[in-house]
Amino acid sequence: MLMKKGVSLFLCAITSLVAVSQNIQDAKKFIYYERYKTAEDQLQQVVKTDPANGEGWYLLSKAYLSSNDPAPLQNLLSQAPASLKEEPYFQVAYGSYLLNKGNKDSAKYYFDRALDKTREKNADILSAIANAHIVAKTGDANYAVELLNKAVNREKKDPALFTMLGDAQRKQGNGSDAYKSYVMALDKDGKHAAALYRMGKIFVSQKNPEMYLKYFNQALEADSNFAPAVYELYYHYYFTEPQKAMEYFKQYVAKSDPNKTNDVLYTDLLYLNKQYQDAITNAQRLLGSNNNADSMPRLYKLMAYSYLGLKDSANAMTSMSRYFSKEVDTNMVAKDYEVMAGLYSGVPGKEDSAIAYYLKTADMAKDQAEKFHFYKKLSELYKDQKDYLNQGKWLGMYYTNNPKATNIDLFNWGIANFKAEAYDQADTVFGAYIQKYPDQAFGYYWRARVNSLSDSTMEKGSAIPWYNKLISMIETDTNNKTNKKWLVEAYGYLAAYQTNQVKDYKSATENLKKILTVDPENKDAKQYISVLEKKIAADNSNSTTGTSK
């Protein structure tokens, strides 16, 4: 009876050990697939069933540190039995946690103890410490490479070690050696999806889609369950082919751990595929089912975009306003402000709000071409408000150093300043127009107009050179209606100046007569010619009389 009981207990122990061993192997696979939550759940059971399992504690720390939520790790590690704290795997686990927190010296203490205990001959411990340095922001990539070279010398056929070596070299900024290490990993196992995936990531950094798509697809051919490669394919097509992106995204969700971020990304894809009502319905469902709806403010933005797709600007404004009230400023992008600006632009009386949002958009835009676009928008809004001074300011911003700006943009910049009575600035702009387009009459005419107003008493005669230049350019083409109008104005201005400032009545009369060659029925010209001729005759008579006396 006792023998049977002993055999039974022995079999239970064996079964438990086998189960733990299987769970460890499964957890490693889940970490490889970046399914960290599933790995965490399995490893929690491992350390609960077998608290003295140092490798289980290490893998648990690795899963937490690789996830987006490493915070619970400190509390978990504190629950480990005291006897385990001299075990190398646990020392690496605790050192990894400390390094992740930025406590490099304390981490080194634990890492060194683990290395001393294993005499730097255990490839698993060497690679575990190296991995900690690769993952942590404060990690030492050079030291990771040193450790991995030692590990590779001991386990020359392990593709995972060569892949990790490539990761360390990438962290060094040495893409060439990293690529070679990944190739060596594939020499050991041609279906090692992680190596193919990492090769693809090298070409992502080089913005070479032909090459990175090749390697991501090869990674999936090698292992169809390798979710990280599926995600990269989804992300690539997100910007170019939303329908294809949706297909890859559904595959990714099926092969990865549940994540509320995925719910938001799915809503995003519904919007991109112009399934606007479905996107709104899904967003509302997620907000309604989430006890902490404020943690997903992006959903309000996606609803706003979808409402805009349905041409429902009222609900778009409501949703976008909620987004702005819940999202932190640092997460907002230029597009958010642009959408709000566009919404306010369509509401009478809200032009000031539209301007405020476009100002923020222009400030946040990173691409210079985008900035020019928003400068133009601002100039148009100020024009609608008849705020010509600010219109001129933003037209100037739009024109300056803009390779796509035209002569019309330069002209409009000058006109805005003219309307704002900013005559000095207008004179400068039309001066630039003349310099750039010397064969066009517009610059001369408007520079003459600007100077005629800034020198309203004609005391300086600053408009005269520009009217004379204008006349010389267009006087031979009087069939053009604009030219006729400008010639009448120019001759008239010269006549007025000669009459009132230099008292040269003869020249004034000649210019007035030139008006009649262009406009024979001009009553003003005829009237002033008559007055001036009488004045000239009277002056001549007085001169003759004075001489006779």
Protein backbone atom coordinates (compact mmCIF):
# COMPACT_ATOMS: atom_id res chain seq x y z
CA MET A 1 0.00 0.00 0.00
CA LEU A 2 2.79 2.37 0.95
CA MET A 3 4.62 1.43 -2.23
CA LYS A 4 1.58 2.25 -4.32
CA LYS A 5 1.24 5.60 -2.58
CA GLY A 6 4.91 6.35 -3.16
CA VAL A 7 4.69 5.43 -6.82
CA SER A 8 1.63 7.62 -7.15
CA LEU A 9 3.38 10.59 -5.59
CA PHE A 10 6.42 9.98 -7.78
CA LEU A 11 4.26 9.89 -10.92
CA CYS A 12 2.51 13.13 -9.85
CA ALA A 13 5.87 14.81 -9.37
CA ILE A 14 7.08 13.60 -12.77
CA THR A 15 3.85 14.76 -14.39
CA SER A 16 4.16 18.17 -12.74
CA LEU A 17 7.75 18.56 -13.89
CA VAL A 18 6.80 17.60 -17.45
CA ALA A 19 3.94 20.10 -17.37
CA VAL A 20 6.23 22.86 -16.10
CA SER A 21 8.82 22.02 -18.74
CA GLN A 22 6.17 22.13 -21.46
CA ASN A 23 4.86 25.45 -20.17
CA ILE A 24 8.39 26.86 -20.24
CA GLN A 25 8.83 25.80 -23.87
CA ASP A 26 5.41 27.20 -24.79
CA ALA A 27 6.21 30.49 -23.04
CA LYS A 28 9.48 30.79 -24.98
CA LYS A 29 7.54 30.31 -28.20
CA PHE A 30 4.99 32.96 -27.22
CA ILE A 31 7.77 35.42 -26.40
CA TYR A 32 9.32 34.65 -29.79
CA TYR A 33 5.97 35.48 -31.41
CA GLU A 34 5.76 38.65 -29.24
CA ARG A 35 2.64 37.33 -27.54
CA TYR A 36 3.79 38.63 -24.21
CA LYS A 37 0.48 38.56 -22.34
CA THR A 38 -0.05 34.88 -23.11
CA ALA A 39 3.53 34.18 -22.07
CA GLU A 40 3.02 36.12 -18.83
CA ASP A 41 -0.09 34.09 -17.98
CA GLN A 42 1.69 30.79 -18.59
CA LEU A 43 4.78 31.81 -16.65
CA GLN A 44 2.69 33.01 -13.72
CA GLN A 45 1.43 29.44 -13.47
CA VAL A 46 4.97 28.08 -13.79
CA VAL A 47 6.37 30.11 -10.88
CA LYS A 48 3.25 29.38 -8.82
CA THR A 49 3.57 25.64 -9.40
CA ASP A 50 7.37 25.62 -9.17
CA PRO A 51 8.53 28.72 -7.23
CA ALA A 52 12.13 27.56 -7.35
CA ASN A 53 12.21 27.59 -11.16
CA GLY A 54 14.77 30.31 -11.89
CA GLU A 55 14.31 30.13 -15.65
CA GLY A 56 10.57 30.65 -15.19
CA TRP A 57 11.21 33.83 -13.19
CA TYR A 58 13.68 35.07 -15.80
CA LEU A 59 11.27 34.45 -18.68
CA LEU A 60 8.49 36.13 -16.73
CA SER A 61 10.66 39.23 -16.33
CA LYS A 62 11.59 39.09 -20.03
CA ALA A 63 7.92 38.95 -21.04
CA TYR A 64 6.97 41.89 -18.82
CA LEU A 65 9.94 44.02 -19.90
CA SER A 66 9.17 43.36 -23.57
CA SER A 67 5.52 44.35 -23.14
CA ASN A 68 4.08 47.81 -22.81
CA ASP A 69 3.41 47.36 -19.10
CA PRO A 70 6.49 46.34 -17.08
CA ALA A 71 5.24 48.09 -13.91
CA PRO A 72 3.96 44.94 -12.06
CA LEU A 73 7.34 43.22 -12.34
CA GLN A 74 8.86 44.63 -9.15
CA ASN A 75 6.02 43.29 -7.03
CA LEU A 76 6.19 39.89 -8.76
CA LEU A 77 9.93 39.51 -8.25
CA SER A 78 9.55 40.38 -4.57
CA GLN A 79 7.34 37.29 -4.17
CA ALA A 80 10.13 34.90 -5.23
CA PRO A 81 11.45 32.61 -2.44
CA ALA A 82 14.57 33.89 -0.68
CA SER A 83 16.48 30.73 -1.64
CA LEU A 84 16.11 31.65 -5.32
CA LYS A 85 17.98 34.92 -5.03
CA GLU A 86 21.34 33.19 -5.46
CA GLU A 87 20.15 31.42 -8.63
CA PRO A 88 21.77 32.88 -11.83
CA TYR A 89 18.54 33.04 -13.82
CA PHE A 90 16.82 34.98 -11.05
CA GLN A 91 19.81 37.30 -10.70
CA VAL A 92 19.54 38.06 -14.43
CA ALA A 93 15.80 38.61 -14.03
CA TYR A 94 16.31 41.13 -11.23
CA GLY A 95 19.24 42.77 -13.00
CA SER A 96 17.12 43.14 -16.14
CA TYR A 97 14.42 44.88 -14.11
CA LEU A 98 16.97 47.28 -12.58
CA LEU A 99 18.55 48.07 -15.97
CA ASN A 100 15.13 48.80 -17.39
CA LYS A 101 14.65 51.34 -14.57
CA GLY A 102 17.99 52.95 -15.43
CA ASN A 103 19.90 51.61 -12.39
CA LYS A 104 22.91 50.47 -14.40
CA ASP A 105 25.33 49.99 -11.50
CA SER A 106 22.89 47.90 -9.46
CA ALA A 107 22.02 45.84 -12.55
CA LYS A 108 25.70 45.20 -13.20
CA TYR A 109 26.09 43.84 -9.67
CA TYR A 110 23.45 41.15 -10.27
CA PHE A 111 24.62 40.38 -13.80
CA ASP A 112 28.22 39.94 -12.62
CA ARG A 113 27.11 37.56 -9.86
CA ALA A 114 25.25 35.43 -12.41
CA LEU A 115 28.28 35.40 -14.71
CA ASP A 116 30.61 34.46 -11.86
CA LYS A 117 28.35 31.60 -10.79
CA THR A 118 28.30 30.18 -14.33
CA ARG A 119 31.96 31.10 -15.04
CA GLU A 120 30.73 32.86 -18.20
CA LYS A 121 30.24 29.44 -19.80
CA ASN A 122 26.46 29.25 -19.88
CA ALA A 123 25.19 30.48 -23.27
CA ASP A 124 21.67 30.99 -21.89
CA ILE A 125 22.89 33.30 -19.11
CA LEU A 126 25.24 35.16 -21.46
CA SER A 127 22.45 35.76 -23.97
CA ALA A 128 19.92 36.66 -21.26
CA ILE A 129 22.17 39.46 -19.97
CA ALA A 130 22.87 40.56 -23.54
CA ASN A 131 19.13 40.67 -24.24
CA ALA A 132 18.61 42.93 -21.20
CA HIS A 133 21.16 45.38 -22.63
CA ILE A 134 19.50 45.26 -26.05
CA VAL A 135 15.99 45.89 -24.73
CA ALA A 136 16.74 48.56 -22.12
CA LYS A 137 17.18 52.15 -23.32
CA THR A 138 20.19 52.48 -21.03
CA GLY A 139 21.66 49.17 -22.19
CA ASP A 140 25.21 48.87 -23.51
CA ALA A 141 25.09 47.49 -27.06
CA ASN A 142 28.87 46.97 -27.17
CA TYR A 143 28.73 44.82 -24.05
CA ALA A 144 25.80 42.87 -25.50
CA VAL A 145 27.86 42.09 -28.62
CA GLU A 146 30.77 40.95 -26.42
CA LEU A 147 28.54 38.60 -24.42
CA LEU A 148 26.83 37.20 -27.51
CA ASN A 149 30.12 36.44 -29.21
CA LYS A 150 30.99 34.31 -26.15
CA ALA A 151 27.57 32.63 -26.30
CA VAL A 152 27.91 31.90 -30.02
CA ASN A 153 31.29 30.27 -29.43
CA ARG A 154 29.55 27.84 -27.08
CA GLU A 155 26.36 27.25 -29.09
CA LYS A 156 27.46 27.60 -32.71
CA LYS A 157 24.27 26.11 -34.16
CA ASP A 158 21.64 28.23 -32.38
CA PRO A 159 19.99 30.65 -34.86
CA ALA A 160 18.42 32.63 -32.00
CA LEU A 161 21.88 33.63 -30.72
CA PHE A 162 22.97 34.92 -34.14
CA THR A 163 19.68 36.79 -34.45
CA MET A 164 20.19 38.40 -31.05
CA LEU A 165 23.76 39.29 -32.06
CA GLY A 166 22.32 41.05 -35.10
CA ASP A 167 19.92 42.95 -32.81
CA ALA A 168 22.82 44.14 -30.65
CA GLN A 169 24.74 45.24 -33.74
CA ARG A 170 21.69 47.15 -34.98
CA LYS A 171 21.57 48.94 -31.63
CA GLN A 172 25.23 49.85 -32.24
CA GLY A 173 24.13 51.39 -35.53
CA ASN A 174 26.05 48.73 -37.47
CA GLY A 175 23.46 47.56 -40.00
CA SER A 176 26.03 45.84 -42.21
CA ASP A 177 27.28 43.47 -39.49
CA ALA A 178 23.72 42.96 -38.26
CA TYR A 179 22.68 41.80 -41.72
CA LYS A 180 25.60 39.33 -41.78
CA SER A 181 24.57 37.95 -38.39
CA TYR A 182 21.01 37.42 -39.58
CA VAL A 183 22.35 35.61 -42.63
CA MET A 184 24.37 33.36 -40.32
CA ALA A 185 21.20 32.65 -38.31
CA LEU A 186 19.50 31.54 -41.52
CA ASP A 187 22.49 29.35 -42.34
CA LYS A 188 21.69 27.46 -39.13
CA ASP A 189 17.93 27.40 -39.79
CA GLY A 190 16.56 28.65 -43.10
CA LYS A 191 13.08 28.95 -41.59
CA HIS A 192 14.06 31.12 -38.65
CA ALA A 193 11.37 33.77 -39.19
CA ALA A 194 12.81 36.20 -36.63
CA ALA A 195 16.04 36.59 -38.63
CA LEU A 196 14.12 37.25 -41.86
CA TYR A 197 11.91 39.74 -40.01
CA ARG A 198 14.90 41.59 -38.57
CA MET A 199 16.48 41.78 -42.03
CA GLY A 200 13.28 43.42 -43.20
CA LYS A 201 13.49 45.94 -40.34
CA ILE A 202 16.96 46.99 -41.54
CA PHE A 203 15.45 47.95 -44.89
CA VAL A 204 12.53 49.71 -43.18
CA SER A 205 15.10 52.06 -41.61
CA GLN A 206 16.55 52.57 -45.10
CA LYS A 207 13.06 53.25 -46.53
CA ASN A 208 13.46 50.49 -49.10
CA PRO A 209 9.98 48.92 -49.49
CA GLU A 210 11.01 46.49 -52.21
CA MET A 211 13.51 44.81 -49.89
CA TYR A 212 11.60 44.95 -46.62
CA LEU A 213 8.43 43.56 -48.21
CA LYS A 214 10.52 40.72 -49.61
CA TYR A 215 11.87 39.76 -46.18
CA PHE A 216 8.57 40.17 -44.32
CA ASN A 217 6.86 37.90 -46.82
CA GLN A 218 9.71 35.38 -46.55
CA ALA A 219 9.32 35.44 -42.76
CA LEU A 220 5.65 34.48 -43.13
CA GLU A 221 6.54 31.76 -45.64
CA ALA A 222 8.95 30.38 -43.07
CA ASP A 223 6.44 30.63 -40.19
CA SER A 224 2.88 31.75 -40.91
CA ASN A 225 2.28 32.38 -37.18
CA PHE A 226 5.01 35.02 -36.90
CA ALA A 227 2.73 37.96 -36.07
CA PRO A 228 5.38 40.76 -36.07
CA ALA A 229 5.92 40.29 -39.83
CA VAL A 230 2.15 40.38 -40.42
CA TYR A 231 1.96 43.66 -38.51
CA GLU A 232 4.70 45.22 -40.65
CA LEU A 233 2.82 44.25 -43.83
CA TYR A 234 -0.38 45.76 -42.41
CA TYR A 235 1.49 48.95 -41.53
CA HIS A 236 3.05 49.24 -44.99
CA TYR A 237 -0.26 48.89 -46.82
CA TYR A 238 -2.02 51.16 -44.31
CA PHE A 239 -0.62 54.14 -46.22
CA THR A 240 -1.15 52.84 -49.75
CA GLU A 241 -3.81 50.13 -49.97
CA PRO A 242 -6.29 50.26 -47.04
CA GLN A 243 -8.19 47.20 -48.27
CA LYS A 244 -5.04 45.09 -48.29
CA ALA A 245 -4.05 46.55 -44.93
CA MET A 246 -7.37 45.35 -43.53
CA GLU A 247 -6.64 41.80 -44.70
CA TYR A 248 -3.24 41.74 -43.00
CA PHE A 249 -4.62 43.39 -39.89
CA LYS A 250 -7.23 40.67 -39.44
CA GLN A 251 -4.47 38.08 -39.77
CA TYR A 252 -2.41 39.95 -37.20
CA VAL A 253 -5.27 40.06 -34.69
CA ALA A 254 -5.83 36.32 -35.11
CA LYS A 255 -2.14 35.59 -34.45
CA SER A 256 -1.46 38.02 -31.59
CA ASP A 257 -2.73 38.63 -28.08
CA PRO A 258 -5.99 40.56 -27.53
CA ASN A 259 -5.26 44.26 -27.15
CA LYS A 260 -7.60 47.22 -26.87
CA THR A 261 -5.24 49.12 -29.19
CA ASN A 262 -6.20 46.65 -31.91
CA ASP A 263 -9.85 47.68 -31.49
CA VAL A 264 -8.89 51.29 -32.20
CA LEU A 265 -6.74 50.28 -35.17
CA TYR A 266 -9.63 48.29 -36.61
CA THR A 267 -11.88 51.37 -36.34
CA ASP A 268 -9.15 53.34 -38.08
CA LEU A 269 -9.10 50.85 -40.95
CA LEU A 270 -12.89 50.96 -41.29
CA TYR A 271 -12.57 54.72 -41.76
CA LEU A 272 -9.73 54.39 -44.28
CA ASN A 273 -11.80 51.88 -46.28
CA LYS A 274 -14.63 54.46 -46.34
CA GLN A 275 -16.87 52.28 -44.21
CA TYR A 276 -17.83 55.39 -42.29
CA GLN A 277 -20.98 54.21 -40.56
CA ASP A 278 -19.30 50.97 -39.49
CA ALA A 279 -16.40 52.98 -38.09
CA ILE A 280 -18.77 55.19 -36.10
CA THR A 281 -20.75 52.20 -34.80
CA ASN A 282 -17.58 50.36 -33.77
CA ALA A 283 -16.17 53.43 -32.02
CA GLN A 284 -19.42 53.99 -30.12
CA ARG A 285 -19.46 50.32 -29.09
CA LEU A 286 -15.91 50.49 -27.77
CA LEU A 287 -16.56 53.71 -25.87
CA GLY A 288 -19.75 52.28 -24.42
CA SER A 289 -18.16 49.01 -23.32
CA ASN A 290 -15.00 50.54 -21.86
CA ASN A 291 -15.20 51.65 -18.25
CA ASN A 292 -12.33 54.03 -18.91
CA ALA A 293 -13.41 55.57 -22.21
CA ASP A 294 -11.06 58.49 -21.66
CA SER A 295 -8.17 56.11 -22.28
CA MET A 296 -9.16 55.88 -25.95
CA PRO A 297 -9.65 59.51 -27.06
CA ARG A 298 -8.54 58.63 -30.60
CA LEU A 299 -11.92 56.99 -31.12
CA TYR A 300 -13.59 60.40 -30.94
CA LYS A 301 -11.26 61.63 -33.67
CA LEU A 302 -12.04 58.64 -35.87
CA MET A 303 -15.74 59.29 -35.36
CA ALA A 304 -15.22 62.92 -36.40
CA TYR A 305 -13.37 61.89 -39.56
CA SER A 306 -16.09 59.36 -40.36
CA TYR A 307 -18.83 61.94 -39.85
CA LEU A 308 -16.96 64.21 -42.24
CA GLY A 309 -16.92 61.34 -44.72
CA LEU A 310 -20.73 61.25 -44.36
CA LYS A 311 -20.80 65.07 -44.76
CA ASP A 312 -22.23 65.47 -41.26
CA SER A 313 -20.20 68.46 -40.05
CA ALA A 314 -22.31 69.04 -36.92
CA ASN A 315 -21.58 65.60 -35.45
CA ALA A 316 -18.01 65.86 -36.70
CA MET A 317 -17.59 69.08 -34.69
CA THR A 318 -19.08 67.46 -31.58
CA SER A 319 -16.82 64.42 -31.83
CA MET A 320 -13.72 66.46 -32.57
CA SER A 321 -14.42 68.77 -29.63
CA ARG A 322 -14.64 65.73 -27.35
CA TYR A 323 -11.36 64.49 -28.73
CA PHE A 324 -9.66 67.80 -27.93
CA SER A 325 -11.11 67.80 -24.42
CA LYS A 326 -9.80 64.29 -23.65
CA GLU A 327 -6.53 63.90 -25.56
CA VAL A 328 -3.27 65.21 -24.13
CA ASP A 329 -1.62 67.95 -26.17
CA THR A 330 1.55 65.96 -26.79
CA ASN A 331 -0.41 63.28 -28.64
CA MET A 332 -2.04 65.70 -31.05
CA VAL A 333 -0.78 66.13 -34.59
CA ALA A 334 -1.08 68.92 -37.13
CA LYS A 335 -3.94 67.15 -38.90
CA ASP A 336 -6.09 67.39 -35.74
CA TYR A 337 -5.84 71.18 -35.73
CA GLU A 338 -6.38 71.33 -39.48
CA VAL A 339 -9.65 69.39 -39.17
CA MET A 340 -10.88 71.72 -36.43
CA ALA A 341 -9.87 74.73 -38.48
CA GLY A 342 -11.78 73.39 -41.48
CA LEU A 343 -14.87 72.74 -39.34
CA TYR A 344 -14.83 76.25 -37.88
CA SER A 345 -14.27 77.74 -41.34
CA GLY A 346 -17.70 76.47 -42.30
CA VAL A 347 -19.45 78.13 -39.33
CA PRO A 348 -20.41 81.80 -39.84
CA GLY A 349 -18.94 84.00 -37.13
CA LYS A 350 -16.28 81.45 -36.16
CA GLU A 351 -13.56 82.73 -38.45
CA ASP A 352 -11.38 83.73 -35.48
CA SER A 353 -11.49 80.14 -34.20
CA ALA A 354 -10.62 78.82 -37.64
CA ILE A 355 -7.65 81.18 -37.78
CA ALA A 356 -6.47 80.12 -34.32
CA TYR A 357 -6.50 76.44 -35.31
CA TYR A 358 -4.77 77.10 -38.64
CA LEU A 359 -2.08 79.05 -36.78
CA LYS A 360 -1.49 76.01 -34.59
CA THR A 361 -1.55 73.73 -37.63
CA ALA A 362 1.07 75.79 -39.43
CA ASP A 363 3.23 75.82 -36.32
CA MET A 364 3.05 72.02 -35.93
CA ALA A 365 3.47 71.08 -39.59
CA LYS A 366 6.89 69.54 -40.14
CA ASP A 367 7.02 69.52 -43.92
CA GLN A 368 7.72 72.92 -45.48
CA ALA A 369 5.28 72.27 -48.34
CA GLU A 370 2.55 71.70 -45.74
CA LYS A 371 3.46 74.93 -44.01
CA PHE A 372 3.10 76.85 -47.28
CA HIS A 373 -0.37 75.31 -47.73
CA PHE A 374 -1.47 76.56 -44.31
CA TYR A 375 0.07 80.00 -44.88
CA LYS A 376 -2.14 80.30 -47.95
CA LYS A 377 -5.20 79.20 -45.95
CA LEU A 378 -4.52 81.84 -43.33
CA SER A 379 -4.14 84.55 -45.95
CA GLU A 380 -7.52 83.60 -47.44
CA LEU A 381 -9.25 83.67 -44.05
CA TYR A 382 -7.83 87.10 -43.26
CA LYS A 383 -8.87 88.31 -46.71
CA ASP A 384 -12.44 87.20 -46.01
CA GLN A 385 -12.35 89.29 -42.84
CA LYS A 386 -10.93 92.24 -44.79
CA ASP A 387 -7.88 92.15 -42.53
CA TYR A 388 -5.52 92.99 -45.35
CA LEU A 389 -2.50 93.61 -43.14
CA ASN A 390 -2.53 90.02 -41.87
CA GLN A 391 -3.45 88.79 -45.33
CA GLY A 392 -0.28 90.44 -46.57
CA LYS A 393 1.76 88.95 -43.75
CA TRP A 394 0.74 85.36 -44.58
CA LEU A 395 0.96 85.86 -48.33
CA GLY A 396 4.53 86.98 -47.69
CA MET A 397 5.16 83.83 -45.66
CA TYR A 398 3.63 81.78 -48.46
CA TYR A 399 5.70 83.41 -51.20
CA THR A 400 9.10 83.57 -49.49
CA ASN A 401 11.34 80.60 -50.41
CA ASN A 402 8.38 78.76 -51.93
CA PRO A 403 9.44 77.10 -55.20
CA LYS A 404 5.80 76.75 -56.26
CA ALA A 405 4.87 80.41 -55.71
CA THR A 406 4.03 82.35 -58.89
CA ASN A 407 3.98 85.94 -60.08
CA ILE A 408 0.30 86.04 -59.11
CA ASP A 409 1.19 85.21 -55.51
CA LEU A 410 3.78 87.98 -55.47
CA PHE A 411 1.28 90.38 -57.00
CA ASN A 412 -1.42 89.49 -54.46
CA TRP A 413 1.06 90.01 -51.64
CA GLY A 414 1.67 93.52 -52.87
CA ILE A 415 -2.05 94.26 -53.34
CA ALA A 416 -2.87 93.08 -49.80
CA ASN A 417 -0.34 95.53 -48.38
CA PHE A 418 -1.68 98.24 -50.68
CA LYS A 419 -5.22 97.68 -49.35
CA ALA A 420 -3.89 97.68 -45.79
CA GLU A 421 -2.25 101.07 -46.54
CA ALA A 422 1.10 99.51 -45.61
CA TYR A 423 2.67 101.48 -48.43
CA ASP A 424 6.34 100.95 -47.55
CA GLN A 425 5.87 97.17 -47.56
CA ALA A 426 3.77 97.33 -50.73
CA ASP A 427 6.49 99.38 -52.44
CA THR A 428 9.08 96.76 -51.46
CA VAL A 429 6.94 93.91 -52.80
CA PHE A 430 6.21 95.62 -56.12
CA GLY A 431 9.91 96.50 -56.32
CA ALA A 432 10.61 92.76 -56.07
CA TYR A 433 7.97 92.15 -58.76
CA ILE A 434 9.73 94.58 -61.12
CA GLN A 435 13.08 92.96 -60.45
CA LYS A 436 11.74 89.47 -61.15
CA TYR A 437 9.39 90.38 -64.00
CA PRO A 438 10.90 93.51 -65.60
CA ASP A 439 8.94 93.05 -68.85
CA GLN A 440 5.54 93.16 -67.14
CA ALA A 441 3.79 96.48 -66.62
CA PHE A 442 1.95 95.45 -63.44
CA GLY A 443 4.90 96.11 -61.13
CA TYR A 444 5.50 99.60 -62.51
CA TYR A 445 1.85 100.59 -62.39
CA TRP A 446 1.30 99.44 -58.82
CA ARG A 447 4.57 100.88 -57.60
CA ALA A 448 3.46 104.19 -59.10
CA ARG A 449 0.06 103.87 -57.36
CA VAL A 450 1.65 103.03 -54.02
CA ASN A 451 4.01 106.00 -54.21
CA SER A 452 1.25 108.33 -55.35
CA LEU A 453 -0.63 107.54 -52.12
CA SER A 454 2.35 107.54 -49.78
CA ASP A 455 3.39 110.90 -51.27
CA SER A 456 -0.10 112.35 -51.33
CA THR A 457 1.08 115.99 -51.63
CA MET A 458 3.41 115.10 -54.52
CA GLU A 459 6.13 116.91 -52.62
CA LYS A 460 8.68 114.12 -53.14
CA GLY A 461 7.58 113.18 -56.65
CA SER A 462 8.29 109.53 -55.75
CA ALA A 463 5.65 108.19 -58.14
CA ILE A 464 7.02 110.07 -61.19
CA PRO A 465 9.81 107.61 -62.18
CA TRP A 466 7.40 104.69 -62.11
CA TYR A 467 4.70 106.45 -64.14
CA ASN A 468 7.34 107.47 -66.70
CA LYS A 469 8.57 103.86 -66.90
CA LEU A 470 5.02 102.61 -67.24
CA ILE A 471 4.36 105.05 -70.11
CA SER A 472 7.50 103.96 -71.94
CA MET A 473 6.38 100.32 -71.71
CA ILE A 474 2.76 100.64 -72.88
CA GLU A 475 2.35 103.83 -74.90
CA THR A 476 2.65 101.99 -78.21
CA ASP A 477 -0.19 99.60 -77.39
CA THR A 478 -3.26 101.75 -76.87
CA ASN A 479 -5.70 99.14 -78.17
CA ASN A 480 -5.46 97.37 -74.84
CA LYS A 481 -8.18 98.72 -72.53
CA THR A 482 -6.04 98.37 -69.39
CA ASN A 483 -3.17 100.19 -71.09
CA LYS A 484 -5.50 103.03 -72.13
CA LYS A 485 -6.77 103.38 -68.57
CA TRP A 486 -3.25 103.36 -67.12
CA LEU A 487 -1.97 105.86 -69.70
CA VAL A 488 -4.77 108.30 -68.89
CA GLU A 489 -3.91 107.97 -65.19
CA ALA A 490 -0.15 108.32 -65.79
CA TYR A 491 -0.40 111.35 -68.07
CA GLY A 492 -2.87 112.91 -65.67
CA TYR A 493 -0.60 112.38 -62.67
CA LEU A 494 2.41 113.84 -64.50
CA ALA A 495 0.31 116.85 -65.52
CA ALA A 496 -0.85 117.39 -61.95
CA TYR A 497 2.70 117.17 -60.62
CA GLN A 498 3.99 119.57 -63.26
CA THR A 499 1.18 121.97 -62.54
CA ASN A 500 1.24 121.96 -58.73
CA GLN A 501 4.86 121.27 -57.86
CA VAL A 502 7.16 122.48 -60.63
CA LYS A 503 4.78 125.03 -62.23
CA ASP A 504 5.71 123.72 -65.67
CA TYR A 505 2.37 124.48 -67.32
CA LYS A 506 3.62 123.83 -70.82
CA SER A 507 4.73 120.26 -70.01
CA ALA A 508 1.52 119.72 -68.06
CA THR A 509 -0.50 120.80 -71.09
CA GLU A 510 1.47 118.46 -73.34
CA ASN A 511 0.71 115.51 -71.05
CA LEU A 512 -2.97 116.43 -70.96
CA LYS A 513 -3.00 116.47 -74.74
CA LYS A 514 -1.48 113.00 -74.72
CA ILE A 515 -4.55 111.89 -72.81
CA LEU A 516 -6.66 113.05 -75.73
CA THR A 517 -4.65 110.93 -78.14
CA VAL A 518 -5.71 107.94 -76.08
CA ASP A 519 -9.18 109.18 -75.05
CA PRO A 520 -10.28 111.96 -77.42
CA GLU A 521 -13.51 112.64 -75.47
CA ASN A 522 -11.91 113.01 -72.06
CA LYS A 523 -13.73 116.05 -70.61
CA ASP A 524 -11.33 116.57 -67.68
CA ALA A 525 -8.33 116.72 -69.98
CA LYS A 526 -10.05 119.23 -72.26
CA GLN A 527 -11.09 121.36 -69.29
CA TYR A 528 -7.62 121.44 -67.73
CA ILE A 529 -5.97 122.10 -71.12
CA SER A 530 -8.22 125.13 -71.50
CA VAL A 531 -7.40 126.37 -67.99
CA LEU A 532 -3.67 125.87 -68.44
CA GLU A 533 -3.57 127.47 -71.86
CA LYS A 534 -5.29 130.54 -70.43
CA LYS A 535 -2.80 130.52 -67.58
CA ILE A 536 0.11 130.29 -70.01
CA ALA A 537 -1.35 133.11 -72.15
CA ALA A 538 -1.88 135.28 -69.11
CA ASP A 539 1.64 134.68 -67.90
CA ASN A 540 3.02 135.48 -71.33
CA SER A 541 0.92 138.67 -71.46
CA ASN A 542 2.12 139.73 -68.03
CA SER A 543 5.67 138.99 -69.04
CA THR A 544 5.34 141.07 -72.21
CA THR A 545 3.68 143.93 -70.34
CA GLY A 546 6.36 143.90 -67.74
CA THR A 547 9.04 144.06 -70.41
CA SER A 548 7.33 147.02 -72.17
CA LYS A 549 7.27 149.01 -68.98
